[in-house]
Amino acid sequence: MLGESMRFELESGKTKCIAEDIKANAMTVGKYTVINPNEDGPLPISHKLVVRVSSPKGNSHHLGDQVDSGTFAFTAAEGGDYTTCFWANRHNPPVRMTIDFDWKSGVAAKDWSNVAKKGQVETMEVELKKLYDTVTVIHEEMFYLREREEEMQQLNKETNTKMATLGLFSLLLCLSVAGLQIWHLKTFFERKKLL
């Protein structure tokens, strides 16, 4: 996923969570910083956060406790929505913090400038590598989407089968109840000698 960094405000005593759908075995990197409201002075002591990055199954990939900035990087073990939550301590009076957050995954997570420096490669070679990785990610994404489509089709078939079974059972139950009602009414009227 390609993306720019985002800025958001967080009031003390509140939580803000951001989710990113990351597929299995994809690399992801993130960087967060509390913006200093005093451009010339030090960051106020009240501007500290607790930051947690967790997987869809609740596994923690990063925990920053009482920090004003930090980074994380990991390869996703499972596919799904990964969540980054920011908590701000409660202060009286309430404090509002501005947080700069940059989260990239897949091809965008790779540091292409270091690739160019390490290999002494030409700009065109770096662009070609970027394009190759993008095509590879698209190719893998197509297979991933095909698998998801097959799973959905299987789920639809199972649901249709269950609904047909439930519908047939409901019909049989209704017919049985109707038959019992007719039998009951017939015996009732025979006892009362109305038939």
Protein backbone atom coordinates (compact mmCIF):
# COMPACT_ATOMS: atom_id res chain seq x y z
CA MET A 1 0.00 0.00 0.00
CA LEU A 2 1.30 3.43 -0.87
CA GLY A 3 0.45 6.20 1.51
CA GLU A 4 1.53 9.45 3.01
CA SER A 5 1.89 10.12 6.71
CA MET A 6 -1.16 11.34 8.58
CA ARG A 7 -1.65 13.81 11.39
CA PHE A 8 -4.36 13.61 13.96
CA GLU A 9 -5.18 15.10 17.34
CA LEU A 10 -5.59 13.10 20.53
CA GLU A 11 -7.01 14.50 23.76
CA SER A 12 -5.60 13.32 27.09
CA GLY A 13 -7.48 10.39 28.59
CA LYS A 14 -8.62 9.24 25.11
CA THR A 15 -7.66 6.45 22.71
CA LYS A 16 -7.31 6.48 18.92
CA CYS A 17 -6.91 3.25 16.93
CA ILE A 18 -5.96 2.93 13.28
CA ALA A 19 -6.28 -0.35 11.36
CA GLU A 20 -4.44 -1.49 8.25
CA ASP A 21 -5.31 -4.61 6.22
CA ILE A 22 -1.99 -6.42 5.77
CA LYS A 23 -1.66 -9.75 4.03
CA ALA A 24 0.46 -12.58 5.41
CA ASN A 25 4.25 -12.36 4.91
CA ALA A 26 4.09 -8.66 3.95
CA MET A 27 6.58 -6.29 5.54
CA THR A 28 5.26 -3.25 7.38
CA VAL A 29 7.00 -0.27 8.97
CA GLY A 30 5.63 2.59 11.04
CA LYS A 31 6.88 5.79 12.62
CA TYR A 32 5.04 8.07 15.04
CA THR A 33 5.97 11.37 16.67
CA VAL A 34 4.20 13.75 19.04
CA ILE A 35 4.46 17.24 17.51
CA ASN A 36 5.95 19.79 19.89
CA PRO A 37 3.47 22.67 20.45
CA ASN A 38 6.39 24.86 21.65
CA GLU A 39 8.56 25.20 18.56
CA ASP A 40 11.51 26.67 20.47
CA GLY A 41 11.12 24.88 23.81
CA PRO A 42 11.28 21.27 24.95
CA LEU A 43 8.33 18.90 24.57
CA PRO A 44 5.98 19.22 27.60
CA ILE A 45 6.04 16.27 30.01
CA SER A 46 2.28 15.83 29.46
CA HIS A 47 2.87 14.89 25.80
CA LYS A 48 3.60 11.18 26.31
CA LEU A 49 1.78 8.23 24.75
CA VAL A 50 1.31 4.52 25.09
CA VAL A 51 1.41 2.93 21.63
CA ARG A 52 0.52 -0.68 20.84
CA VAL A 53 0.54 -2.48 17.49
CA SER A 54 -1.36 -5.76 17.49
CA SER A 55 -2.25 -8.48 14.99
CA PRO A 56 -5.77 -9.66 14.08
CA LYS A 57 -5.39 -12.43 16.68
CA GLY A 58 -4.29 -9.96 19.38
CA ASN A 59 -0.54 -10.65 19.32
CA SER A 60 1.50 -7.57 20.20
CA HIS A 61 4.14 -6.50 17.65
CA HIS A 62 5.15 -3.21 19.28
CA LEU A 63 4.59 -1.53 22.64
CA GLY A 64 5.81 1.96 23.45
CA ASP A 65 5.11 3.05 27.02
CA GLN A 66 5.23 6.77 27.89
CA VAL A 67 7.02 7.75 24.67
CA ASP A 68 6.88 10.82 22.47
CA SER A 69 8.10 9.03 19.31
CA GLY A 70 8.99 5.60 18.04
CA THR A 71 9.22 3.21 15.14
CA PHE A 72 8.16 -0.37 14.46
CA ALA A 73 8.83 -2.88 11.72
CA PHE A 74 7.76 -6.50 11.31
CA THR A 75 6.71 -9.08 8.76
CA ALA A 76 3.06 -10.05 9.17
CA ALA A 77 2.71 -13.66 10.29
CA GLU A 78 -1.01 -13.71 9.48
CA GLY A 79 -3.19 -11.75 7.11
CA GLY A 80 -5.90 -9.35 8.30
CA ASP A 81 -6.47 -6.04 10.07
CA TYR A 82 -3.47 -4.97 12.16
CA THR A 83 -4.30 -2.24 14.67
CA THR A 84 -2.19 0.57 16.10
CA CYS A 85 -3.71 2.18 19.19
CA PHE A 86 -2.53 5.42 20.80
CA TRP A 87 -3.45 6.15 24.43
CA ALA A 88 -2.85 9.51 26.09
CA ASN A 89 -2.68 9.81 29.89
CA ARG A 90 -5.45 11.77 31.58
CA HIS A 91 -4.44 15.32 32.56
CA ASN A 92 -6.32 18.06 34.34
CA PRO A 93 -6.95 20.36 32.53
CA PRO A 94 -7.15 18.17 29.36
CA VAL A 95 -4.24 18.40 26.93
CA ARG A 96 -4.60 18.04 23.16
CA MET A 97 -1.67 16.45 21.31
CA THR A 98 -0.94 16.37 17.59
CA ILE A 99 0.56 13.09 16.39
CA ASP A 100 2.32 12.50 13.09
CA PHE A 101 1.93 8.86 12.02
CA ASP A 102 3.42 7.14 8.98
CA TRP A 103 2.49 3.48 8.32
CA LYS A 104 3.54 1.63 5.20
CA SER A 105 3.26 -1.99 4.16
CA GLY A 106 4.22 -4.12 1.18
CA VAL A 107 6.36 -2.48 -1.49
CA ALA A 108 6.00 0.97 0.11
CA ALA A 109 7.64 -0.35 3.31
CA LYS A 110 10.99 -0.98 1.64
CA ASP A 111 13.69 1.67 1.99
CA TRP A 112 14.64 2.22 -1.63
CA SER A 113 17.21 4.94 -0.89
CA ASN A 114 19.34 2.45 1.07
CA VAL A 115 19.04 -0.10 -1.73
CA ALA A 116 20.48 2.47 -4.13
CA LYS A 117 23.34 3.41 -1.78
CA LYS A 118 24.33 -0.15 -0.92
CA GLY A 119 24.39 -1.50 -4.43
CA GLN A 120 25.74 1.59 -6.19
CA VAL A 121 22.98 1.09 -8.74
CA GLU A 122 21.67 3.50 -11.28
CA THR A 123 18.34 5.24 -10.77
CA MET A 124 16.80 3.22 -13.57
CA GLU A 125 17.72 -0.08 -11.90
CA VAL A 126 16.10 1.05 -8.67
CA GLU A 127 12.93 2.02 -10.55
CA LEU A 128 12.95 -1.37 -12.29
CA LYS A 129 13.24 -3.13 -8.93
CA LYS A 130 10.34 -1.07 -7.62
CA LEU A 131 8.24 -2.01 -10.64
CA TYR A 132 9.19 -5.67 -10.34
CA ASP A 133 8.22 -5.72 -6.66
CA THR A 134 4.96 -3.93 -7.46
CA VAL A 135 4.11 -6.48 -10.15
CA THR A 136 4.99 -9.32 -7.77
CA VAL A 137 2.72 -7.86 -5.09
CA ILE A 138 -0.11 -7.44 -7.61
CA HIS A 139 0.39 -11.02 -8.78
CA GLU A 140 0.30 -12.32 -5.20
CA GLU A 141 -2.73 -10.16 -4.48
CA MET A 142 -4.56 -11.71 -7.45
CA PHE A 143 -3.93 -15.21 -6.07
CA TYR A 144 -4.97 -14.04 -2.63
CA LEU A 145 -8.21 -12.61 -4.04
CA ARG A 146 -8.87 -15.85 -5.95
CA GLU A 147 -8.45 -17.83 -2.72
CA ARG A 148 -10.82 -15.46 -0.92
CA GLU A 149 -13.34 -15.80 -3.78
CA GLU A 150 -13.18 -19.60 -3.55
CA GLU A 151 -13.67 -19.39 0.23
CA MET A 152 -16.69 -17.11 -0.28
CA GLN A 153 -18.17 -19.44 -2.91
CA GLN A 154 -17.72 -22.40 -0.57
CA LEU A 155 -19.35 -20.42 2.25
CA ASN A 156 -22.26 -19.53 -0.07
CA LYS A 157 -22.73 -23.18 -1.03
CA GLU A 158 -22.67 -24.28 2.61
CA THR A 159 -25.11 -21.51 3.56
CA ASN A 160 -27.46 -22.44 0.69
CA THR A 161 -27.36 -26.10 1.73
CA LYS A 162 -28.09 -25.22 5.35
CA MET A 163 -30.92 -22.87 4.35
CA ALA A 164 -32.46 -25.54 2.08
CA THR A 165 -32.25 -28.10 4.90
CA LEU A 166 -33.75 -25.62 7.36
CA GLY A 167 -36.51 -24.69 4.89
CA LEU A 168 -37.37 -28.37 4.29
CA PHE A 169 -37.38 -29.03 8.03
CA SER A 170 -39.66 -25.99 8.59
CA LEU A 171 -42.02 -27.19 5.86
CA LEU A 172 -42.18 -30.71 7.33
CA LEU A 173 -42.77 -29.28 10.80
CA CYS A 174 -45.59 -27.03 9.53
CA LEU A 175 -47.23 -29.94 7.66
CA SER A 176 -46.91 -32.16 10.77
CA VAL A 177 -48.51 -29.51 12.97
CA ALA A 178 -51.30 -29.00 10.39
CA GLY A 179 -51.90 -32.78 10.27
CA LEU A 180 -52.03 -32.95 14.07
CA GLN A 181 -54.49 -30.05 14.16
CA ILE A 182 -56.76 -31.72 11.59
CA TRP A 183 -56.63 -35.04 13.48
CA HIS A 184 -57.36 -33.26 16.78
CA LEU A 185 -60.31 -31.33 15.30
CA LYS A 186 -61.69 -34.48 13.67
CA THR A 187 -61.57 -36.47 16.95
CA PHE A 188 -63.01 -33.50 18.84
CA PHE A 189 -65.98 -33.19 16.47
CA GLU A 190 -66.53 -36.98 16.50
CA ARG A 191 -66.67 -36.96 20.31
CA LYS A 192 -69.11 -34.07 20.22
CA LYS A 193 -71.06 -35.94 17.52
CA LEU A 194 -70.88 -33.03 15.12
CA LEU A 195 -69.53 -35.18 12.27
